[in-house]
Amino acid sequence: MPSQPTEEISAPPESPGEAAPEQPQAGGRRTQLKIVRESVQSLSKEVGKLRQSSEASAKRMESHLASLRKELAAHTRSKDLGEHIKSHRADTKRLEKQMATLRKDLASFQSQMAKEAAKTKAREEAAFARFTAKVKAEKPKKHPKPSKKKR
């Protein structure tokens, strides 16, 4: 995750004789906004990649679970159980344990993905809140218009 550099926007000069350049402040705000946008984009890309990988993992786990179910069903339908009853029971228990483990792994993986998504969203919202607070706090002071001299 890219780190955000902190930038200090220089305060306008205190003496009334000096002209306050508007470009550095506006450029500083633009830079801050650009940094926030880049951070949000990178976080969005990371969340997208995380979702894709989680969906792929879930599909793999579900296909493995389906194959285990087919295998279990094949053992259940077997007509030759009289000869292989011991091996059948052992295989059935093994398959049931594998299915339970896969279900548990899938549930924990989905829970982890939800937590990661919530953390990412919280980070995005916090970064945006900090940025908006800085922008609101650093409003440029209005300079009085020069008065017209009467001749």
Foldseek 3Di string as FASTA:
>chain_A
DDDQDDDDQDAADPDPVDDGDPVSVVVVLVVLVVSLVVLLVVLVVVLVVLVVVLVVVLVVLVVVLVVLVVVLVVLVPDPPCVVVVPVSVVSNVVSVVVNVVSVVVNVVSVVVSVVVVVVSVVVSVVSVVVSVVVPVVRDHDDDDDDDDDDD
